[in-house]
Amino acid sequence: MKKRLLLLGFAMIIGILSACADQPQTSEEPNKYEGDFSYDIQDFEYKNQDGDMVSSEDLKGKFWVVDFIFTNCTSACPPMTANMSKLQSELKEAGLSDQVRLVSFTMDPNHDSPKVLKDYAQKFDAEFTNWDLLTGYSQEEIKKLSIESFKAFLKRTEVQDPAEGQPGYNYVHSSSLYIVSPNGKAIKKYNGNTMDPSVVENMVKDLKAYIN
């Protein structure tokens, strides 16, 4: 009887040790850049408004703010770009220009060449010290980046009887501005399709909190 009890006790100890061994072990540090979500941004290397190559590797170690635009857009993109310009000014005033980059991806790479993007951004008083407007990829590439990395919808639609000077297509797209952390994860988004000053104010406040 004693021998049976000893064997049973031994089996229970082995079972407990095995269960402990099956528990997942992790050595990951807590994420100091917690936000509303955490989306991994895929690697990329594209051409900016000056024809220089800019990659996701170049942006590591800094916060960056992202939007998706196209220069023929007449609805959401102008206020989005105006907000990016305002954000750039506010970051400069706060002494954060060297710690935050701005990145605008065109959704219309076939039309939006580096020169077209530069001319467009200059209409919004953009400074190119810490703001890159990117192109030089296929339509499928930017759709994949938008949907998979930012969980942001993007669809090209055909336009019947376009207005004079406008192309025969449009893009249904996100009008959000996204904060990406120094470790390459999208963590927060804001409504870019409004001129409400609180949007930029909240972005600056949140960036200050992360950086400080």
N, C-alpha and C. Protein backbone atom coordinates (compact mmCIF):
# COMPACT_ATOMS: atom_id res chain seq x y z
N MET A 1 0.83 -1.20 0.00
CA MET A 1 0.00 0.00 0.00
C MET A 1 0.87 1.25 0.00
N LYS A 2 1.92 1.24 0.92
CA LYS A 2 2.82 2.39 0.99
C LYS A 2 3.53 2.59 -0.33
N LYS A 3 3.91 1.43 -0.95
CA LYS A 3 4.62 1.52 -2.23
C LYS A 3 3.73 2.15 -3.29
N ARG A 4 2.42 1.79 -3.29
CA ARG A 4 1.48 2.37 -4.25
C ARG A 4 1.33 3.87 -4.04
N LEU A 5 1.23 4.28 -2.77
CA LEU A 5 1.10 5.71 -2.47
C LEU A 5 2.32 6.49 -2.90
N LEU A 6 3.51 5.90 -2.67
CA LEU A 6 4.75 6.55 -3.09
C LEU A 6 4.80 6.73 -4.60
N LEU A 7 4.41 5.67 -5.32
CA LEU A 7 4.41 5.73 -6.78
C LEU A 7 3.42 6.77 -7.28
N LEU A 8 2.23 6.82 -6.62
CA LEU A 8 1.21 7.79 -7.01
C LEU A 8 1.70 9.22 -6.76
N GLY A 9 2.36 9.43 -5.61
CA GLY A 9 2.89 10.75 -5.29
C GLY A 9 3.96 11.17 -6.26
N PHE A 10 4.81 10.23 -6.63
CA PHE A 10 5.89 10.50 -7.58
C PHE A 10 5.31 10.89 -8.94
N ALA A 11 4.25 10.17 -9.35
CA ALA A 11 3.62 10.46 -10.64
C ALA A 11 3.01 11.86 -10.63
N MET A 12 2.42 12.25 -9.49
CA MET A 12 1.81 13.57 -9.40
C MET A 12 2.87 14.66 -9.49
N ILE A 13 4.01 14.45 -8.85
CA ILE A 13 5.10 15.44 -8.91
C ILE A 13 5.61 15.60 -10.33
N ILE A 14 5.78 14.46 -11.02
CA ILE A 14 6.24 14.50 -12.42
C ILE A 14 5.24 15.27 -13.28
N GLY A 15 3.94 15.03 -13.02
CA GLY A 15 2.89 15.72 -13.79
C GLY A 15 2.93 17.22 -13.58
N ILE A 16 3.14 17.64 -12.32
CA ILE A 16 3.20 19.07 -12.01
C ILE A 16 4.40 19.71 -12.68
N LEU A 17 5.55 19.04 -12.61
CA LEU A 17 6.76 19.56 -13.25
C LEU A 17 6.59 19.67 -14.75
N SER A 18 5.93 18.69 -15.34
CA SER A 18 5.70 18.71 -16.79
C SER A 18 4.80 19.87 -17.17
N ALA A 19 3.76 20.09 -16.36
CA ALA A 19 2.83 21.19 -16.65
C ALA A 19 3.54 22.53 -16.57
N CYS A 20 4.45 22.67 -15.58
CA CYS A 20 5.20 23.91 -15.46
C CYS A 20 6.10 24.13 -16.67
N ALA A 21 6.69 23.03 -17.14
CA ALA A 21 7.59 23.13 -18.29
C ALA A 21 6.84 23.54 -19.53
N ASP A 22 5.52 23.21 -19.60
CA ASP A 22 4.74 23.55 -20.78
C ASP A 22 4.29 25.00 -20.80
N GLN A 23 4.43 25.73 -19.67
CA GLN A 23 4.00 27.12 -19.65
C GLN A 23 4.91 27.96 -20.53
N PRO A 24 4.34 28.86 -21.36
CA PRO A 24 5.17 29.67 -22.24
C PRO A 24 6.10 30.57 -21.45
N GLN A 25 7.35 30.61 -21.84
CA GLN A 25 8.34 31.45 -21.20
C GLN A 25 8.55 32.69 -22.06
N THR A 26 8.67 33.84 -21.47
CA THR A 26 8.90 35.05 -22.24
C THR A 26 9.91 35.92 -21.53
N SER A 27 10.78 36.53 -22.34
CA SER A 27 11.77 37.45 -21.80
C SER A 27 11.58 38.83 -22.41
N GLU A 28 10.44 39.00 -23.10
CA GLU A 28 10.19 40.28 -23.75
C GLU A 28 9.97 41.37 -22.71
N GLU A 29 10.54 42.56 -22.99
CA GLU A 29 10.33 43.69 -22.12
C GLU A 29 8.94 44.28 -22.38
N PRO A 30 8.33 44.87 -21.37
CA PRO A 30 7.03 45.51 -21.60
C PRO A 30 7.14 46.56 -22.69
N ASN A 31 6.09 46.71 -23.48
CA ASN A 31 6.09 47.70 -24.56
C ASN A 31 5.87 49.09 -23.97
N LYS A 32 6.92 49.93 -24.03
CA LYS A 32 6.83 51.26 -23.45
C LYS A 32 6.02 52.21 -24.33
N TYR A 33 5.70 51.75 -25.54
CA TYR A 33 4.96 52.60 -26.47
C TYR A 33 3.54 52.09 -26.65
N GLU A 34 2.88 51.80 -25.55
CA GLU A 34 1.52 51.29 -25.64
C GLU A 34 0.58 52.35 -26.20
N GLY A 35 -0.32 51.89 -27.08
CA GLY A 35 -1.30 52.80 -27.66
C GLY A 35 -2.64 52.12 -27.75
N ASP A 36 -3.38 52.43 -28.79
CA ASP A 36 -4.70 51.84 -28.97
C ASP A 36 -4.63 50.50 -29.69
N PHE A 37 -3.50 50.23 -30.34
CA PHE A 37 -3.28 48.97 -31.06
C PHE A 37 -1.78 48.84 -31.30
N SER A 38 -1.35 47.76 -31.91
CA SER A 38 0.07 47.55 -32.18
C SER A 38 0.20 46.74 -33.46
N TYR A 39 0.44 47.45 -34.58
CA TYR A 39 0.54 46.81 -35.89
C TYR A 39 1.98 46.88 -36.39
N ASP A 40 2.55 45.74 -36.73
CA ASP A 40 3.90 45.72 -37.28
C ASP A 40 3.91 46.32 -38.68
N ILE A 41 4.84 47.24 -38.93
CA ILE A 41 4.97 47.86 -40.24
C ILE A 41 5.98 47.08 -41.07
N GLN A 42 5.56 46.67 -42.26
CA GLN A 42 6.45 45.90 -43.12
C GLN A 42 7.62 46.74 -43.60
N ASP A 43 8.72 46.08 -43.94
CA ASP A 43 9.89 46.78 -44.45
C ASP A 43 9.59 47.40 -45.81
N PHE A 44 10.18 48.56 -46.07
CA PHE A 44 10.00 49.20 -47.38
C PHE A 44 11.20 50.09 -47.68
N GLU A 45 11.34 50.44 -48.92
CA GLU A 45 12.33 51.42 -49.37
C GLU A 45 11.79 52.08 -50.63
N TYR A 46 11.43 53.36 -50.52
CA TYR A 46 10.80 54.07 -51.62
C TYR A 46 11.48 55.41 -51.85
N LYS A 47 11.07 56.07 -52.92
CA LYS A 47 11.68 57.33 -53.34
C LYS A 47 10.88 58.52 -52.79
N ASN A 48 11.61 59.52 -52.28
CA ASN A 48 10.90 60.70 -51.75
C ASN A 48 10.83 61.83 -52.76
N GLN A 49 10.34 62.97 -52.34
CA GLN A 49 10.10 64.11 -53.22
C GLN A 49 11.38 64.67 -53.85
N ASP A 50 12.52 64.34 -53.29
CA ASP A 50 13.80 64.78 -53.86
C ASP A 50 14.48 63.69 -54.68
N GLY A 51 13.81 62.56 -54.81
CA GLY A 51 14.39 61.45 -55.56
C GLY A 51 15.33 60.59 -54.74
N ASP A 52 15.41 60.85 -53.43
CA ASP A 52 16.26 60.06 -52.54
C ASP A 52 15.48 58.86 -52.00
N MET A 53 16.20 57.77 -51.75
CA MET A 53 15.56 56.58 -51.22
C MET A 53 15.41 56.69 -49.70
N VAL A 54 14.23 56.36 -49.23
CA VAL A 54 13.93 56.37 -47.79
C VAL A 54 13.37 55.00 -47.43
N SER A 55 13.92 54.40 -46.40
CA SER A 55 13.49 53.05 -46.02
C SER A 55 12.96 53.02 -44.59
N SER A 56 12.28 51.94 -44.27
CA SER A 56 11.79 51.75 -42.90
C SER A 56 12.97 51.67 -41.94
N GLU A 57 14.11 51.20 -42.43
CA GLU A 57 15.31 51.12 -41.60
C GLU A 57 15.79 52.52 -41.22
N ASP A 58 15.65 53.47 -42.14
CA ASP A 58 16.06 54.86 -41.87
C ASP A 58 15.23 55.49 -40.76
N LEU A 59 14.02 55.00 -40.58
CA LEU A 59 13.10 55.60 -39.62
C LEU A 59 13.18 54.97 -38.24
N LYS A 60 13.90 53.89 -38.11
CA LYS A 60 14.00 53.20 -36.82
C LYS A 60 14.64 54.12 -35.78
N GLY A 61 14.12 54.03 -34.57
CA GLY A 61 14.66 54.84 -33.48
C GLY A 61 13.97 56.18 -33.31
N LYS A 62 13.05 56.50 -34.22
CA LYS A 62 12.30 57.75 -34.12
C LYS A 62 10.80 57.47 -34.25
N PHE A 63 10.01 58.37 -33.72
CA PHE A 63 8.58 58.32 -33.99
C PHE A 63 8.35 58.87 -35.38
N TRP A 64 7.33 58.36 -36.06
CA TRP A 64 6.94 58.95 -37.33
C TRP A 64 5.43 58.97 -37.44
N VAL A 65 4.95 59.97 -38.15
CA VAL A 65 3.51 60.15 -38.36
C VAL A 65 3.23 59.92 -39.84
N VAL A 66 2.23 59.09 -40.12
CA VAL A 66 1.97 58.62 -41.48
C VAL A 66 0.58 59.02 -41.95
N ASP A 67 0.49 59.38 -43.23
CA ASP A 67 -0.82 59.46 -43.87
C ASP A 67 -0.74 58.93 -45.30
N PHE A 68 -1.91 58.68 -45.89
CA PHE A 68 -2.02 58.18 -47.26
C PHE A 68 -2.81 59.19 -48.07
N ILE A 69 -2.18 59.73 -49.12
CA ILE A 69 -2.80 60.80 -49.90
C ILE A 69 -2.59 60.56 -51.40
N PHE A 70 -3.18 61.39 -52.23
CA PHE A 70 -2.79 61.49 -53.63
C PHE A 70 -3.09 62.91 -54.09
N THR A 71 -2.28 63.43 -54.98
CA THR A 71 -2.31 64.87 -55.26
C THR A 71 -3.54 65.32 -56.03
N ASN A 72 -4.23 64.42 -56.72
CA ASN A 72 -5.46 64.77 -57.42
C ASN A 72 -6.69 64.73 -56.51
N CYS A 73 -6.49 64.36 -55.28
CA CYS A 73 -7.58 64.27 -54.31
C CYS A 73 -8.08 65.68 -53.97
N THR A 74 -9.39 65.85 -53.98
CA THR A 74 -9.96 67.17 -53.69
C THR A 74 -10.82 67.18 -52.42
N SER A 75 -10.91 66.04 -51.74
CA SER A 75 -11.78 65.97 -50.57
C SER A 75 -10.98 65.84 -49.27
N ALA A 76 -10.59 64.63 -48.91
CA ALA A 76 -9.94 64.40 -47.62
C ALA A 76 -8.47 64.82 -47.59
N CYS A 77 -7.78 64.68 -48.71
CA CYS A 77 -6.32 64.88 -48.70
C CYS A 77 -5.88 66.31 -48.37
N PRO A 78 -6.54 67.35 -48.88
CA PRO A 78 -6.11 68.70 -48.50
C PRO A 78 -6.13 68.96 -47.00
N PRO A 79 -7.22 68.65 -46.26
CA PRO A 79 -7.15 68.86 -44.81
C PRO A 79 -6.14 67.94 -44.13
N MET A 80 -5.96 66.73 -44.64
CA MET A 80 -4.97 65.84 -44.06
C MET A 80 -3.57 66.44 -44.20
N THR A 81 -3.26 66.95 -45.39
CA THR A 81 -1.94 67.52 -45.63
C THR A 81 -1.77 68.82 -44.84
N ALA A 82 -2.84 69.59 -44.72
CA ALA A 82 -2.79 70.81 -43.90
C ALA A 82 -2.50 70.47 -42.44
N ASN A 83 -3.09 69.39 -41.95
CA ASN A 83 -2.84 68.96 -40.58
C ASN A 83 -1.40 68.48 -40.40
N MET A 84 -0.87 67.80 -41.40
CA MET A 84 0.52 67.37 -41.34
C MET A 84 1.45 68.59 -41.30
N SER A 85 1.14 69.59 -42.10
CA SER A 85 1.94 70.81 -42.10
C SER A 85 1.87 71.53 -40.76
N LYS A 86 0.65 71.61 -40.21
CA LYS A 86 0.47 72.23 -38.89
C LYS A 86 1.22 71.44 -37.83
N LEU A 87 1.15 70.12 -37.91
CA LEU A 87 1.87 69.27 -36.97
C LEU A 87 3.37 69.53 -37.06
N GLN A 88 3.88 69.64 -38.27
CA GLN A 88 5.30 69.90 -38.45
C GLN A 88 5.70 71.21 -37.76
N SER A 89 4.89 72.24 -37.92
CA SER A 89 5.17 73.53 -37.28
C SER A 89 5.14 73.43 -35.76
N GLU A 90 4.14 72.70 -35.24
CA GLU A 90 4.01 72.56 -33.79
C GLU A 90 5.17 71.75 -33.20
N LEU A 91 5.60 70.72 -33.93
CA LEU A 91 6.73 69.92 -33.46
C LEU A 91 8.01 70.74 -33.45
N LYS A 92 8.16 71.58 -34.46
CA LYS A 92 9.33 72.46 -34.52
C LYS A 92 9.34 73.42 -33.34
N GLU A 93 8.19 73.99 -33.04
CA GLU A 93 8.07 74.92 -31.92
C GLU A 93 8.35 74.23 -30.59
N ALA A 94 7.99 72.94 -30.51
CA ALA A 94 8.21 72.18 -29.27
C ALA A 94 9.61 71.59 -29.19
N GLY A 95 10.42 71.81 -30.21
CA GLY A 95 11.78 71.27 -30.21
C GLY A 95 11.86 69.78 -30.46
N LEU A 96 10.86 69.24 -31.18
CA LEU A 96 10.80 67.79 -31.41
C LEU A 96 11.04 67.39 -32.86
N SER A 97 11.46 68.34 -33.69
CA SER A 97 11.63 68.05 -35.12
C SER A 97 12.65 66.95 -35.38
N ASP A 98 13.66 66.86 -34.53
CA ASP A 98 14.70 65.85 -34.75
C ASP A 98 14.31 64.49 -34.18
N GLN A 99 13.16 64.42 -33.51
CA GLN A 99 12.73 63.15 -32.91
C GLN A 99 11.49 62.56 -33.57
N VAL A 100 10.86 63.33 -34.44
CA VAL A 100 9.64 62.87 -35.12
C VAL A 100 9.75 63.13 -36.61
N ARG A 101 9.50 62.10 -37.41
CA ARG A 101 9.49 62.24 -38.87
C ARG A 101 8.05 62.18 -39.36
N LEU A 102 7.79 62.85 -40.47
CA LEU A 102 6.49 62.79 -41.13
C LEU A 102 6.66 62.05 -42.44
N VAL A 103 5.74 61.13 -42.73
CA VAL A 103 5.82 60.31 -43.95
C VAL A 103 4.45 60.27 -44.61
N SER A 104 4.40 60.71 -45.86
CA SER A 104 3.16 60.65 -46.65
C SER A 104 3.36 59.69 -47.81
N PHE A 105 2.53 58.67 -47.88
CA PHE A 105 2.56 57.71 -48.98
C PHE A 105 1.51 58.11 -50.01
N THR A 106 1.91 58.27 -51.28
CA THR A 106 0.90 58.50 -52.30
C THR A 106 0.22 57.19 -52.66
N MET A 107 -1.07 57.27 -52.89
CA MET A 107 -1.82 56.09 -53.34
C MET A 107 -1.87 56.03 -54.86
N ASP A 108 -1.32 57.05 -55.51
CA ASP A 108 -1.37 57.14 -56.97
C ASP A 108 0.05 57.26 -57.52
N PRO A 109 0.88 56.23 -57.33
CA PRO A 109 2.29 56.32 -57.72
C PRO A 109 2.53 56.51 -59.20
N ASN A 110 1.59 56.09 -60.04
CA ASN A 110 1.77 56.26 -61.49
C ASN A 110 1.69 57.73 -61.90
N HIS A 111 0.95 58.51 -61.16
CA HIS A 111 0.83 59.95 -61.46
C HIS A 111 1.75 60.80 -60.59
N ASP A 112 1.84 60.46 -59.31
CA ASP A 112 2.55 61.30 -58.35
C ASP A 112 4.05 61.00 -58.35
N SER A 113 4.76 61.66 -59.23
CA SER A 113 6.22 61.56 -59.29
C SER A 113 6.82 62.37 -58.15
N PRO A 114 8.13 62.25 -57.90
CA PRO A 114 8.75 63.07 -56.86
C PRO A 114 8.48 64.57 -57.05
N LYS A 115 8.59 65.05 -58.27
CA LYS A 115 8.35 66.48 -58.52
C LYS A 115 6.91 66.87 -58.24
N VAL A 116 5.97 66.04 -58.67
CA VAL A 116 4.55 66.33 -58.42
C VAL A 116 4.28 66.39 -56.92
N LEU A 117 4.86 65.46 -56.18
CA LEU A 117 4.67 65.45 -54.73
C LEU A 117 5.30 66.68 -54.08
N LYS A 118 6.47 67.06 -54.55
CA LYS A 118 7.14 68.23 -53.96
C LYS A 118 6.35 69.50 -54.22
N ASP A 119 5.89 69.66 -55.45
CA ASP A 119 5.08 70.84 -55.78
C ASP A 119 3.80 70.89 -54.94
N TYR A 120 3.19 69.73 -54.75
CA TYR A 120 1.96 69.64 -53.96
C TYR A 120 2.22 70.04 -52.51
N ALA A 121 3.27 69.48 -51.91
CA ALA A 121 3.55 69.75 -50.50
C ALA A 121 3.93 71.21 -50.26
N GLN A 122 4.60 71.81 -51.23
CA GLN A 122 5.00 73.21 -51.08
C GLN A 122 3.79 74.15 -51.01
N LYS A 123 2.68 73.73 -51.59
CA LYS A 123 1.45 74.53 -51.49
C LYS A 123 0.94 74.59 -50.06
N PHE A 124 1.40 73.65 -49.24
CA PHE A 124 0.99 73.60 -47.83
C PHE A 124 2.12 74.04 -46.90
N ASP A 125 3.11 74.73 -47.49
CA ASP A 125 4.25 75.26 -46.71
C ASP A 125 5.04 74.16 -46.01
N ALA A 126 5.15 73.01 -46.66
CA ALA A 126 5.91 71.90 -46.07
C ALA A 126 7.40 72.21 -46.07
N GLU A 127 8.06 71.77 -45.03
CA GLU A 127 9.52 71.80 -44.98
C GLU A 127 9.99 70.35 -45.10
N PHE A 128 11.05 70.15 -45.85
CA PHE A 128 11.46 68.77 -46.14
C PHE A 128 12.62 68.30 -45.25
N THR A 129 12.79 68.97 -44.12
CA THR A 129 13.82 68.58 -43.17
C THR A 129 13.47 67.26 -42.47
N ASN A 130 12.18 67.07 -42.18
CA ASN A 130 11.75 65.84 -41.50
C ASN A 130 10.44 65.31 -42.06
N TRP A 131 10.15 65.67 -43.32
CA TRP A 131 8.91 65.22 -43.98
C TRP A 131 9.26 64.63 -45.33
N ASP A 132 8.93 63.35 -45.50
CA ASP A 132 9.17 62.65 -46.77
C ASP A 132 7.84 62.26 -47.39
N LEU A 133 7.65 62.61 -48.66
CA LEU A 133 6.48 62.18 -49.42
C LEU A 133 6.97 61.10 -50.38
N LEU A 134 6.44 59.90 -50.25
CA LEU A 134 7.02 58.74 -50.92
C LEU A 134 6.21 58.25 -52.11
N THR A 135 6.96 57.77 -53.12
CA THR A 135 6.39 57.18 -54.33
C THR A 135 7.40 56.16 -54.86
N GLY A 136 7.19 55.70 -56.10
CA GLY A 136 8.15 54.77 -56.69
C GLY A 136 7.86 53.31 -56.39
N TYR A 137 6.58 52.97 -56.30
CA TYR A 137 6.17 51.59 -56.05
C TYR A 137 4.95 51.30 -56.90
N SER A 138 4.51 50.06 -56.88
CA SER A 138 3.34 49.69 -57.67
C SER A 138 2.06 49.94 -56.87
N GLN A 139 0.95 49.93 -57.58
CA GLN A 139 -0.35 50.09 -56.93
C GLN A 139 -0.61 48.96 -55.94
N GLU A 140 -0.19 47.77 -56.29
CA GLU A 140 -0.39 46.62 -55.40
C GLU A 140 0.45 46.74 -54.14
N GLU A 141 1.66 47.28 -54.27
CA GLU A 141 2.54 47.45 -53.10
C GLU A 141 1.92 48.38 -52.07
N ILE A 142 1.42 49.53 -52.53
CA ILE A 142 0.88 50.49 -51.57
C ILE A 142 -0.43 49.99 -50.98
N LYS A 143 -1.19 49.25 -51.75
CA LYS A 143 -2.43 48.67 -51.21
C LYS A 143 -2.10 47.66 -50.12
N LYS A 144 -1.08 46.85 -50.35
CA LYS A 144 -0.66 45.85 -49.37
C LYS A 144 -0.15 46.53 -48.09
N LEU A 145 0.66 47.57 -48.25
CA LEU A 145 1.19 48.29 -47.09
C LEU A 145 0.06 48.91 -46.28
N SER A 146 -0.87 49.54 -46.97
CA SER A 146 -1.98 50.20 -46.29
C SER A 146 -2.84 49.21 -45.51
N ILE A 147 -3.23 48.14 -46.17
CA ILE A 147 -4.15 47.18 -45.56
C ILE A 147 -3.47 46.32 -44.51
N GLU A 148 -2.30 45.79 -44.82
CA GLU A 148 -1.66 44.83 -43.91
C GLU A 148 -0.93 45.50 -42.75
N SER A 149 -0.27 46.62 -42.99
CA SER A 149 0.51 47.24 -41.93
C SER A 149 -0.30 48.23 -41.09
N PHE A 150 -1.24 48.93 -41.72
CA PHE A 150 -2.00 49.95 -40.99
C PHE A 150 -3.48 49.58 -40.81
N LYS A 151 -3.87 48.42 -41.35
CA LYS A 151 -5.28 48.00 -41.29
C LYS A 151 -6.18 49.11 -41.84
N ALA A 152 -5.69 49.77 -42.88
CA ALA A 152 -6.39 50.90 -43.49
C ALA A 152 -6.87 50.52 -44.88
N PHE A 153 -8.14 50.70 -45.14
CA PHE A 153 -8.71 50.31 -46.43
C PHE A 153 -8.16 51.20 -47.55
N LEU A 154 -8.09 50.64 -48.73
CA LEU A 154 -7.64 51.39 -49.91
C LEU A 154 -8.19 50.70 -51.15
N LYS A 155 -8.97 51.45 -51.92
CA LYS A 155 -9.57 50.88 -53.13
C LYS A 155 -9.66 51.95 -54.21
N ARG A 156 -9.22 51.59 -55.40
CA ARG A 156 -9.35 52.49 -56.55
C ARG A 156 -10.72 52.28 -57.19
N THR A 157 -11.39 53.38 -57.51
CA THR A 157 -12.70 53.31 -58.16
C THR A 157 -12.68 54.17 -59.43
N GLU A 158 -13.46 53.78 -60.40
CA GLU A 158 -13.56 54.54 -61.65
C GLU A 158 -14.62 55.63 -61.50
N VAL A 159 -14.37 56.77 -62.11
CA VAL A 159 -15.28 57.91 -62.03
C VAL A 159 -15.90 58.16 -63.40
N GLN A 160 -17.20 58.17 -63.45
CA GLN A 160 -17.91 58.49 -64.69
C GLN A 160 -18.04 60.01 -64.83
N ASP A 161 -17.72 60.52 -66.00
CA ASP A 161 -17.81 61.96 -66.27
C ASP A 161 -17.06 62.79 -65.22
N PRO A 162 -15.73 62.60 -65.12
CA PRO A 162 -14.95 63.37 -64.14
C PRO A 162 -14.97 64.86 -64.47
N ALA A 163 -14.78 65.68 -63.45
CA ALA A 163 -14.72 67.12 -63.64
C ALA A 163 -13.51 67.48 -64.49
N GLU A 164 -13.58 68.62 -65.12
CA GLU A 164 -12.49 69.05 -65.99
C GLU A 164 -11.17 69.13 -65.21
N GLY A 165 -10.14 68.52 -65.77
CA GLY A 165 -8.84 68.52 -65.12
C GLY A 165 -8.64 67.40 -64.12
N GLN A 166 -9.68 66.62 -63.87
CA GLN A 166 -9.58 65.52 -62.91
C GLN A 166 -9.48 64.19 -63.65
N PRO A 167 -8.76 63.22 -63.06
CA PRO A 167 -8.62 61.90 -63.70
C PRO A 167 -9.93 61.12 -63.64
N GLY A 168 -10.00 60.07 -64.40
CA GLY A 168 -11.22 59.26 -64.43
C GLY A 168 -11.22 58.18 -63.36
N TYR A 169 -10.59 58.46 -62.24
CA TYR A 169 -10.55 57.48 -61.15
C TYR A 169 -10.45 58.23 -59.82
N ASN A 170 -10.70 57.50 -58.75
CA ASN A 170 -10.60 58.06 -57.41
C ASN A 170 -10.11 56.95 -56.48
N TYR A 171 -9.80 57.30 -55.25
CA TYR A 171 -9.39 56.30 -54.27
C TYR A 171 -10.26 56.43 -53.02
N VAL A 172 -10.83 55.32 -52.61
CA VAL A 172 -11.51 55.25 -51.32
C VAL A 172 -10.43 54.85 -50.32
N HIS A 173 -10.18 55.69 -49.33
CA HIS A 173 -9.01 55.44 -48.48
C HIS A 173 -9.23 55.98 -47.07
N SER A 174 -8.34 55.59 -46.19
CA SER A 174 -8.38 56.07 -44.82
C SER A 174 -7.95 57.54 -44.77
N SER A 175 -8.60 58.30 -43.92
CA SER A 175 -8.21 59.70 -43.74
C SER A 175 -7.54 59.90 -42.38
N SER A 176 -7.03 58.82 -41.82
CA SER A 176 -6.39 58.89 -40.50
C SER A 176 -4.92 59.30 -40.61
N LEU A 177 -4.43 59.87 -39.53
CA LEU A 177 -3.00 60.13 -39.35
C LEU A 177 -2.54 59.15 -38.28
N TYR A 178 -1.46 58.43 -38.56
CA TYR A 178 -1.01 57.34 -37.67
C TYR A 178 0.32 57.69 -37.01
N ILE A 179 0.43 57.36 -35.73
CA ILE A 179 1.73 57.43 -35.06
C ILE A 179 2.37 56.05 -35.10
N VAL A 180 3.62 56.02 -35.54
CA VAL A 180 4.41 54.78 -35.55
C VAL A 180 5.54 54.95 -34.54
N SER A 181 5.74 53.94 -33.71
CA SER A 181 6.74 54.01 -32.65
C SER A 181 8.15 53.76 -33.19
N PRO A 182 9.19 54.08 -32.40
CA PRO A 182 10.56 53.85 -32.84
C PRO A 182 10.89 52.39 -33.13
N ASN A 183 10.10 51.46 -32.59
CA ASN A 183 10.33 50.05 -32.89
C ASN A 183 9.46 49.54 -34.03
N GLY A 184 8.92 50.47 -34.82
CA GLY A 184 8.24 50.10 -36.06
C GLY A 184 6.84 49.53 -35.92
N LYS A 185 6.06 50.05 -34.96
CA LYS A 185 4.69 49.59 -34.79
C LYS A 185 3.73 50.78 -34.82
N ALA A 186 2.67 50.67 -35.62
CA ALA A 186 1.62 51.68 -35.60
C ALA A 186 0.85 51.52 -34.29
N ILE A 187 0.71 52.62 -33.54
CA ILE A 187 0.13 52.49 -32.20
C ILE A 187 -1.09 53.39 -31.95
N LYS A 188 -1.24 54.47 -32.72
CA LYS A 188 -2.40 55.34 -32.52
C LYS A 188 -2.80 55.96 -33.85
N LYS A 189 -4.06 56.38 -33.95
CA LYS A 189 -4.50 57.10 -35.14
C LYS A 189 -5.45 58.23 -34.76
N TYR A 190 -5.51 59.22 -35.64
CA TYR A 190 -6.30 60.42 -35.40
C TYR A 190 -7.04 60.79 -36.68
N ASN A 191 -8.15 61.49 -36.54
CA ASN A 191 -8.92 61.91 -37.70
C ASN A 191 -8.21 63.07 -38.40
N GLY A 192 -7.72 62.81 -39.61
CA GLY A 192 -7.02 63.85 -40.35
C GLY A 192 -7.93 64.69 -41.22
N ASN A 193 -9.16 64.26 -41.40
CA ASN A 193 -10.09 64.94 -42.31
C ASN A 193 -10.95 65.94 -41.56
N THR A 194 -10.30 66.81 -40.82
CA THR A 194 -10.98 67.87 -40.08
C THR A 194 -9.97 68.97 -39.80
N MET A 195 -10.45 70.18 -39.69
CA MET A 195 -9.56 71.28 -39.34
C MET A 195 -9.71 71.66 -37.86
N ASP A 196 -10.30 70.77 -37.09
CA ASP A 196 -10.41 70.98 -35.65
C ASP A 196 -8.99 71.02 -35.06
N PRO A 197 -8.57 72.12 -34.46
CA PRO A 197 -7.21 72.24 -33.95
C PRO A 197 -6.86 71.24 -32.86
N SER A 198 -7.87 70.66 -32.23
CA SER A 198 -7.59 69.71 -31.15
C SER A 198 -6.91 68.45 -31.66
N VAL A 199 -7.07 68.14 -32.95
CA VAL A 199 -6.43 66.94 -33.51
C VAL A 199 -4.91 67.06 -33.42
N VAL A 200 -4.37 68.15 -33.95
CA VAL A 200 -2.93 68.35 -33.90
C VAL A 200 -2.46 68.55 -32.46
N GLU A 201 -3.25 69.26 -31.67
CA GLU A 201 -2.89 69.46 -30.26
C GLU A 201 -2.75 68.12 -29.54
N ASN A 202 -3.68 67.21 -29.77
CA ASN A 202 -3.63 65.90 -29.11
C ASN A 202 -2.45 65.07 -29.60
N MET A 203 -2.13 65.18 -30.89
CA MET A 203 -0.99 64.44 -31.41
C MET A 203 0.31 64.92 -30.78
N VAL A 204 0.47 66.22 -30.69
CA VAL A 204 1.68 66.78 -30.07
C VAL A 204 1.76 66.37 -28.61
N LYS A 205 0.63 66.45 -27.92
CA LYS A 205 0.59 66.06 -26.50
C LYS A 205 0.98 64.60 -26.33
N ASP A 206 0.44 63.72 -27.17
CA ASP A 206 0.75 62.29 -27.07
C ASP A 206 2.20 62.01 -27.42
N LEU A 207 2.72 62.67 -28.45
CA LEU A 207 4.12 62.48 -28.82
C LEU A 207 5.06 62.95 -27.72
N LYS A 208 4.73 64.07 -27.10
CA LYS A 208 5.53 64.56 -25.98
C LYS A 208 5.55 63.55 -24.84
N ALA A 209 4.38 62.98 -24.55
CA ALA A 209 4.28 62.01 -23.46
C ALA A 209 5.13 60.78 -23.76
N TYR A 210 5.12 60.31 -25.00
CA TYR A 210 5.94 59.15 -25.37
C TYR A 210 7.42 59.47 -25.28
N ILE A 211 7.81 60.63 -25.79
CA ILE A 211 9.23 60.97 -25.87
C ILE A 211 9.81 61.31 -24.51
N ASN A 212 9.02 61.99 -23.70
CA ASN A 212 9.52 62.41 -22.38
C ASN A 212 9.24 61.38 -21.30
